[in-house]
Amino acid sequence: MRLPDTYIAGLGSFLPETVTVETAVRQGLYPAENVDLHEYAGCAVAGPVPAPEMGLRGAQEAVERSGLAPTEFDLLLYACTWHQGPDGWLPHSYLQRYLVGGDVPGLEIRQGCNGMFAGLDVAASYLHAVPERGSALLVAADNYGTPLLDRWRPGLGLALGDAATAVVLTKRPGFAQVLSVGSTTIPEGEEMHRSGEPVFPPGATVGRTQDFGARAEHYNAKRPAGSAALKELPDRITKLAFQVLDEAGVGIDQVTRVGYVNHSREIVEQRCMALLGLPLSKSVWEYGRTIGHCGASDQFLAFHHLLATGELLPGDHMLLVGMAPGVVLSAAVIKVLEIPAWLNEGKAP
């Protein structure tokens, strides 16, 4: 979907200190054989800082940088992939209380690691539906340091980092423009991320750990000839990426960098860059491997990092690509219009 006059006016993040894989191996947390296999360098670890507090800090930074007052927003969207706090409590209410106030409607997005893509789509549509609406605040936050999840061995070759990102989306000109966004789903693959487990009662209510690796093994064992959903992935990702590029009026040769899931070199190269016909050097793998897969924050952490390090300049285009359970595939195109002044005030995330 081509987005009309949709801009980024502020960007913020909360990224804690990282723990290296070497340290994790010494502590018996990370298998030594995985170091060379997946090539992660470390994971961002927030310790006891709650995810909503991380989200609040990233949002405060984004709002301050946007020049808008916290109460000026017309919508607050909060994306997450893991438990946020006490059951029956809504994490975005925390940001309403301590930042934007109760007159700004808040909603939680449950779209897995593609939550910020859904946020872009929903927020842009919401803002343009009514002329008086002007801006939305999108936030993603997760802290995976909990007993029911092993951040170093969650399965699928991943290692999980804690982080939060926040984006101020406006109809008024900003330092970057979101040109297009799109998503597609392969519903036949929804079982991939639950296979071998009962849907009820939910695992967290009975103290069952989350293990994507065990689910994948169970799923694949039932299908020795392979899964139709998995076979569709390359074509569907490629089609979606070129669709959003076409809607944005941007050729693949005009893409400066690509932000994908913070995964192993092999996955980033084979499931994203090779499909696009682009070298790994145009990805953000070298950065992503240092912080781990940070849920719905990966792509905007990468965008923030590239801006702060001068690797994105005015006129450059960044293609964001994501994959989440469902199986949901998402993509978006962002054009940098100018380098915001606040980048000189802090270090790169």
Protein backbone atom coordinates (compact mmCIF):
# COMPACT_ATOMS: atom_id res chain seq x y z
CA MET A 1 0.00 0.00 0.00
CA ARG A 2 1.35 3.39 -1.02
CA LEU A 3 1.06 5.72 1.98
CA PRO A 4 0.05 9.34 1.33
CA ASP A 5 2.06 12.01 3.19
CA THR A 6 3.21 9.81 6.06
CA TYR A 7 6.39 10.93 7.80
CA ILE A 8 8.65 10.05 10.71
CA ALA A 9 9.20 13.04 12.98
CA GLY A 10 10.82 11.30 15.92
CA LEU A 11 12.70 8.10 16.66
CA GLY A 12 13.77 6.67 20.00
CA SER A 13 15.10 3.48 21.50
CA PHE A 14 16.11 1.74 24.69
CA LEU A 15 18.94 -0.70 24.16
CA PRO A 16 20.67 -2.13 27.26
CA GLU A 17 24.23 -3.37 27.51
CA THR A 18 25.08 -6.55 25.66
CA VAL A 19 26.34 -9.88 26.95
CA THR A 20 28.79 -11.52 24.54
CA VAL A 21 28.33 -15.08 23.33
CA GLU A 22 31.76 -15.89 24.76
CA THR A 23 30.50 -14.91 28.20
CA ALA A 24 27.30 -16.88 27.66
CA VAL A 25 29.33 -19.95 26.65
CA ARG A 26 31.52 -19.68 29.78
CA GLN A 27 28.40 -19.46 31.91
CA GLY A 28 26.89 -22.52 30.25
CA LEU A 29 24.05 -20.49 28.71
CA TYR A 30 24.95 -20.79 25.04
CA PRO A 31 26.14 -23.94 23.22
CA ALA A 32 29.73 -23.53 22.05
CA GLU A 33 28.90 -25.18 18.72
CA ASN A 34 26.37 -22.43 17.99
CA VAL A 35 29.00 -19.68 17.98
CA ASP A 36 30.38 -20.55 14.55
CA LEU A 37 27.09 -22.01 13.32
CA HIS A 38 24.94 -18.91 13.79
CA GLU A 39 27.63 -16.21 14.25
CA TYR A 40 25.83 -14.13 16.85
CA ALA A 41 28.23 -11.92 18.78
CA GLY A 42 25.99 -11.10 21.74
CA CYS A 43 22.56 -10.20 23.09
CA ALA A 44 21.24 -7.03 24.69
CA VAL A 45 20.15 -7.91 28.23
CA ALA A 46 17.97 -5.54 30.26
CA GLY A 47 18.03 -7.45 33.54
CA PRO A 48 15.04 -6.53 35.74
CA VAL A 49 13.90 -3.49 33.71
CA PRO A 50 10.25 -4.20 32.74
CA ALA A 51 9.40 -4.06 29.05
CA PRO A 52 6.80 -1.27 29.49
CA GLU A 53 9.43 0.84 31.28
CA MET A 54 11.81 0.23 28.38
CA GLY A 55 9.03 1.24 26.00
CA LEU A 56 8.35 4.38 28.01
CA ARG A 57 12.00 5.47 27.89
CA GLY A 58 12.20 4.91 24.14
CA ALA A 59 8.89 6.74 23.64
CA GLN A 60 10.00 9.70 25.75
CA GLU A 61 13.08 10.03 23.58
CA ALA A 62 11.08 9.82 20.34
CA VAL A 63 8.48 12.35 21.51
CA GLU A 64 11.11 14.83 22.69
CA ARG A 65 12.92 14.56 19.36
CA SER A 66 9.69 15.07 17.40
CA GLY A 67 9.03 18.48 18.92
CA LEU A 68 5.44 17.47 19.72
CA ALA A 69 3.86 17.65 23.15
CA PRO A 70 3.02 14.19 24.58
CA THR A 71 -0.68 15.05 24.71
CA GLU A 72 -0.80 16.06 21.03
CA PHE A 73 -0.96 12.50 19.75
CA ASP A 74 -4.08 11.02 18.23
CA LEU A 75 -3.13 7.37 18.69
CA LEU A 76 -0.77 5.18 20.72
CA LEU A 77 0.08 1.69 19.43
CA TYR A 78 2.11 -0.76 21.53
CA ALA A 79 3.63 -3.88 19.96
CA CYS A 80 5.12 -6.78 21.90
CA THR A 81 5.94 -10.47 21.51
CA TRP A 82 6.40 -11.64 25.10
CA HIS A 83 4.71 -11.19 28.48
CA GLN A 84 4.73 -7.56 29.61
CA GLY A 85 3.51 -7.65 33.22
CA PRO A 86 0.68 -8.98 35.36
CA ASP A 87 -1.99 -10.89 33.43
CA GLY A 88 -5.12 -8.81 32.97
CA TRP A 89 -3.12 -5.58 32.79
CA LEU A 90 -2.49 -3.57 29.61
CA PRO A 91 1.07 -2.33 29.00
CA HIS A 92 0.06 0.66 26.88
CA SER A 93 -1.87 2.04 29.86
CA TYR A 94 1.53 2.52 31.51
CA LEU A 95 2.55 4.88 28.71
CA GLN A 96 -0.80 6.64 28.87
CA ARG A 97 -0.29 7.33 32.56
CA TYR A 98 3.32 8.45 32.38
CA LEU A 99 3.52 10.08 28.94
CA VAL A 100 0.59 10.78 26.62
CA GLY A 101 -2.38 10.99 28.99
CA GLY A 102 -5.80 9.40 28.91
CA ASP A 103 -7.24 11.34 25.99
CA VAL A 104 -4.90 9.57 23.57
CA PRO A 105 -6.45 6.21 22.65
CA GLY A 106 -4.08 3.29 23.14
CA LEU A 107 -4.11 -0.17 21.57
CA GLU A 108 -1.87 -3.23 21.87
CA ILE A 109 -0.74 -4.93 18.65
CA ARG A 110 -0.28 -8.69 18.72
CA GLN A 111 1.42 -9.34 15.40
CA GLY A 112 4.53 -11.00 16.76
CA CYS A 113 7.84 -9.72 15.45
CA ASN A 114 6.03 -7.80 12.68
CA GLY A 115 4.15 -5.60 15.14
CA MET A 116 5.73 -2.35 13.98
CA PHE A 117 4.78 -3.06 10.36
CA ALA A 118 1.17 -3.51 11.46
CA GLY A 119 1.55 -0.32 13.47
CA LEU A 120 2.64 1.64 10.41
CA ASP A 121 -0.33 0.36 8.42
CA VAL A 122 -2.94 0.94 11.15
CA ALA A 123 -1.57 4.31 12.25
CA ALA A 124 -1.32 5.72 8.71
CA SER A 125 -4.87 4.61 7.93
CA TYR A 126 -6.15 6.02 11.22
CA LEU A 127 -4.48 9.40 10.73
CA HIS A 128 -5.62 9.85 7.14
CA ALA A 129 -9.20 8.79 7.90
CA VAL A 130 -9.90 12.10 9.67
CA PRO A 131 -8.37 15.42 8.56
CA GLU A 132 -7.98 16.69 12.14
CA ARG A 133 -5.78 13.78 13.17
CA GLY A 134 -2.09 14.53 12.90
CA SER A 135 0.26 12.12 14.67
CA ALA A 136 0.62 8.67 16.19
CA LEU A 137 3.15 7.11 18.55
CA LEU A 138 4.27 3.55 17.77
CA VAL A 139 6.16 1.61 20.46
CA ALA A 140 7.62 -1.90 20.62
CA ALA A 141 9.22 -3.40 23.74
CA ASP A 142 10.23 -6.82 25.08
CA ASN A 143 12.32 -8.22 27.93
CA TYR A 144 12.93 -11.95 27.42
CA GLY A 145 14.74 -12.56 30.71
CA THR A 146 11.98 -14.69 32.26
CA PRO A 147 11.86 -18.29 33.57
CA LEU A 148 9.64 -19.68 30.80
CA LEU A 149 11.97 -18.66 27.96
CA ASP A 150 15.66 -19.29 27.35
CA ARG A 151 16.93 -16.26 25.42
CA TRP A 152 20.07 -18.11 24.34
CA ARG A 153 18.27 -21.23 23.12
CA PRO A 154 14.70 -20.35 22.05
CA GLY A 155 15.00 -22.51 18.92
CA LEU A 156 15.17 -21.81 15.18
CA GLY A 157 18.80 -20.69 15.54
CA LEU A 158 17.79 -17.47 17.28
CA ALA A 159 19.25 -15.65 20.28
CA LEU A 160 16.98 -13.05 21.86
CA GLY A 161 17.89 -9.51 22.88
CA ASP A 162 15.91 -7.05 25.00
CA ALA A 163 15.06 -3.67 23.50
CA ALA A 164 12.43 -1.03 22.84
CA THR A 165 11.87 1.27 19.89
CA ALA A 166 9.49 4.17 19.35
CA VAL A 167 8.43 6.00 16.18
CA VAL A 168 6.49 9.26 15.88
CA LEU A 169 4.40 9.07 12.72
CA THR A 170 2.86 12.27 11.36
CA LYS A 171 1.08 13.75 8.36
CA ARG A 172 3.35 16.79 8.63
CA PRO A 173 6.80 16.69 7.00
CA GLY A 174 9.47 14.92 9.05
CA PHE A 175 13.06 13.80 8.55
CA ALA A 176 11.97 10.60 6.79
CA GLN A 177 8.97 9.45 4.77
CA VAL A 178 7.28 6.07 4.90
CA LEU A 179 6.47 5.49 1.24
CA SER A 180 4.73 2.12 1.42
CA VAL A 181 3.92 -0.80 3.69
CA GLY A 182 2.39 -4.21 3.09
CA SER A 183 1.80 -7.62 4.63
CA THR A 184 0.67 -11.06 3.53
CA THR A 185 -0.06 -14.27 5.40
CA ILE A 186 0.47 -17.95 4.66
CA PRO A 187 -2.31 -19.27 6.93
CA GLU A 188 -1.52 -22.90 6.10
CA GLY A 189 1.66 -22.44 8.12
CA GLU A 190 0.07 -21.22 11.34
CA GLU A 191 0.71 -24.62 12.97
CA MET A 192 4.47 -24.18 12.57
CA HIS A 193 4.78 -22.17 15.76
CA ARG A 194 2.49 -24.28 17.97
CA SER A 195 3.01 -27.83 16.71
CA GLY A 196 3.11 -30.49 19.39
CA GLU A 197 1.54 -28.32 22.08
CA PRO A 198 -2.10 -28.01 23.16
CA VAL A 199 -3.74 -24.69 22.39
CA PHE A 200 -5.52 -24.86 25.75
CA PRO A 201 -4.64 -24.32 28.48
CA PRO A 202 -2.07 -21.74 27.35
CA GLY A 203 1.47 -22.77 28.16
CA ALA A 204 2.25 -19.84 30.44
CA THR A 205 -0.71 -20.68 32.68
CA VAL A 206 0.69 -24.12 33.46
CA GLY A 207 4.38 -23.20 33.60
CA ARG A 208 5.33 -24.69 30.22
CA THR A 209 8.43 -23.18 28.63
CA GLN A 210 8.39 -21.81 25.11
CA ASP A 211 10.58 -23.75 22.69
CA PHE A 212 10.21 -22.87 19.00
CA GLY A 213 12.84 -25.45 18.15
CA ALA A 214 10.85 -28.35 19.60
CA ARG A 215 7.72 -27.12 17.83
CA ALA A 216 9.56 -26.92 14.51
CA GLU A 217 10.94 -30.44 14.92
CA HIS A 218 7.45 -31.78 15.67
CA TYR A 219 5.99 -29.90 12.70
CA ASN A 220 8.66 -31.12 10.28
CA ALA A 221 8.48 -34.72 11.54
CA LYS A 222 4.83 -34.83 10.51
CA ARG A 223 5.78 -33.71 7.01
CA PRO A 224 8.77 -35.72 5.80
CA ALA A 225 8.22 -34.46 2.25
CA GLY A 226 8.29 -30.84 3.44
CA SER A 227 5.69 -28.21 4.14
CA ALA A 228 3.83 -26.39 1.38
CA ALA A 229 3.88 -23.28 3.56
CA LEU A 230 7.67 -23.40 3.90
CA LYS A 231 8.08 -23.95 0.19
CA GLU A 232 6.00 -20.84 -0.48
CA LEU A 233 8.12 -18.58 1.72
CA PRO A 234 10.83 -17.54 -0.77
CA ASP A 235 8.39 -16.60 -3.52
CA ARG A 236 6.02 -14.85 -1.15
CA ILE A 237 8.74 -12.79 0.52
CA THR A 238 10.20 -11.82 -2.84
CA LYS A 239 6.81 -10.89 -4.27
CA LEU A 240 5.92 -8.76 -1.24
CA ALA A 241 9.25 -6.94 -1.16
CA PHE A 242 9.06 -6.00 -4.83
CA GLN A 243 5.40 -5.06 -4.41
CA VAL A 244 6.12 -2.44 -1.73
CA LEU A 245 9.10 -1.20 -3.74
CA ASP A 246 6.89 -0.81 -6.82
CA GLU A 247 4.22 0.99 -4.78
CA ALA A 248 6.90 3.32 -3.45
CA GLY A 249 8.23 3.99 -6.95
CA VAL A 250 11.64 2.66 -5.94
CA GLY A 251 13.73 0.19 -7.91
CA ILE A 252 15.77 -2.52 -6.20
CA ASP A 253 18.91 -0.71 -7.43
CA GLN A 254 17.81 2.34 -5.43
CA VAL A 255 17.73 0.45 -2.11
CA THR A 256 20.61 1.59 0.06
CA ARG A 257 20.14 -0.88 2.93
CA VAL A 258 17.81 -3.68 3.96
CA GLY A 259 16.63 -4.30 7.52
CA TYR A 260 15.60 -7.88 8.23
CA VAL A 261 15.17 -10.03 11.35
CA ASN A 262 18.36 -10.15 13.45
CA HIS A 263 19.15 -13.76 12.62
CA SER A 264 22.17 -15.86 11.65
CA ARG A 265 24.23 -14.95 8.61
CA GLU A 266 22.85 -17.95 6.71
CA ILE A 267 19.21 -17.00 7.32
CA VAL A 268 19.68 -13.30 6.51
CA GLU A 269 21.59 -14.17 3.36
CA GLN A 270 19.38 -16.98 2.05
CA ARG A 271 15.90 -15.93 3.21
CA CYS A 272 16.22 -12.25 2.41
CA MET A 273 19.24 -10.82 0.59
CA ALA A 274 19.73 -13.55 -2.02
CA LEU A 275 16.02 -13.46 -2.84
CA LEU A 276 16.35 -9.74 -3.56
CA GLY A 277 19.51 -10.19 -5.58
CA LEU A 278 21.48 -8.04 -3.13
CA PRO A 279 24.78 -8.70 -1.31
CA LEU A 280 24.91 -9.30 2.43
CA SER A 281 26.82 -6.02 2.76
CA LYS A 282 23.56 -4.16 2.07
CA SER A 283 21.90 -5.84 5.04
CA VAL A 284 22.29 -4.80 8.67
CA TRP A 285 23.44 -8.27 9.76
CA GLU A 286 26.76 -7.02 11.14
CA TYR A 287 24.87 -4.78 13.58
CA GLY A 288 22.02 -7.17 14.34
CA ARG A 289 24.35 -10.02 15.32
CA THR A 290 25.71 -7.89 18.18
CA ILE A 291 22.35 -7.39 19.93
CA GLY A 292 20.28 -10.49 19.10
CA HIS A 293 16.75 -10.76 17.78
CA CYS A 294 14.86 -8.01 19.61
CA GLY A 295 11.29 -8.95 18.71
CA ALA A 296 9.35 -6.25 16.88
CA SER A 297 12.18 -3.73 17.37
CA ASP A 298 14.77 -5.19 14.96
CA GLN A 299 14.07 -3.15 11.84
CA PHE A 300 13.71 0.24 13.53
CA LEU A 301 16.76 -0.35 15.73
CA ALA A 302 18.61 -0.93 12.48
CA PHE A 303 17.14 2.23 10.92
CA HIS A 304 18.13 4.24 14.01
CA HIS A 305 21.64 2.76 13.97
CA LEU A 306 22.24 3.46 10.27
CA LEU A 307 21.13 7.06 10.67
CA ALA A 308 23.30 7.59 13.74
CA THR A 309 26.40 6.10 12.11
CA GLY A 310 26.01 8.05 8.88
CA GLU A 311 25.28 4.96 6.80
CA LEU A 312 21.96 6.43 5.64
CA LEU A 313 21.96 9.87 4.04
CA PRO A 314 19.32 12.19 2.56
CA GLY A 315 17.81 10.62 -0.54
CA ASP A 316 18.60 7.06 0.57
CA HIS A 317 15.94 4.35 0.70
CA MET A 318 15.73 1.58 3.27
CA LEU A 319 13.70 -1.57 2.70
CA LEU A 320 12.38 -3.22 5.88
CA VAL A 321 11.39 -6.90 5.74
CA GLY A 322 9.99 -9.08 8.50
CA MET A 323 8.55 -12.49 9.27
CA ALA A 324 6.36 -13.52 12.20
CA PRO A 325 4.24 -16.50 13.32
CA GLY A 326 1.04 -16.84 11.39
CA VAL A 327 2.96 -17.06 9.01
CA VAL A 328 2.99 -13.28 8.50
CA LEU A 329 5.35 -11.57 6.06
CA SER A 330 5.71 -7.78 6.07
CA ALA A 331 7.70 -5.11 4.27
CA ALA A 332 7.99 -1.32 4.13
CA VAL A 333 10.00 1.34 2.30
CA ILE A 334 11.38 4.43 4.04
CA LYS A 335 13.09 7.39 2.37
CA VAL A 336 15.49 9.60 4.32
CA LEU A 337 14.75 13.28 3.64
CA GLU A 338 17.23 14.90 5.98
CA ILE A 339 19.49 14.07 8.91
CA PRO A 340 17.75 15.18 12.12
CA ALA A 341 19.69 17.55 14.37
CA TRP A 342 19.20 15.36 17.43
CA LEU A 343 21.52 12.71 15.99
CA ASN A 344 24.46 14.91 16.97
CA GLU A 345 23.32 14.89 20.58
CA GLY A 346 23.90 11.21 21.32
CA LYS A 347 25.73 8.10 20.28
CA ALA A 348 24.52 5.43 17.90
CA PRO A 349 22.19 2.84 19.41
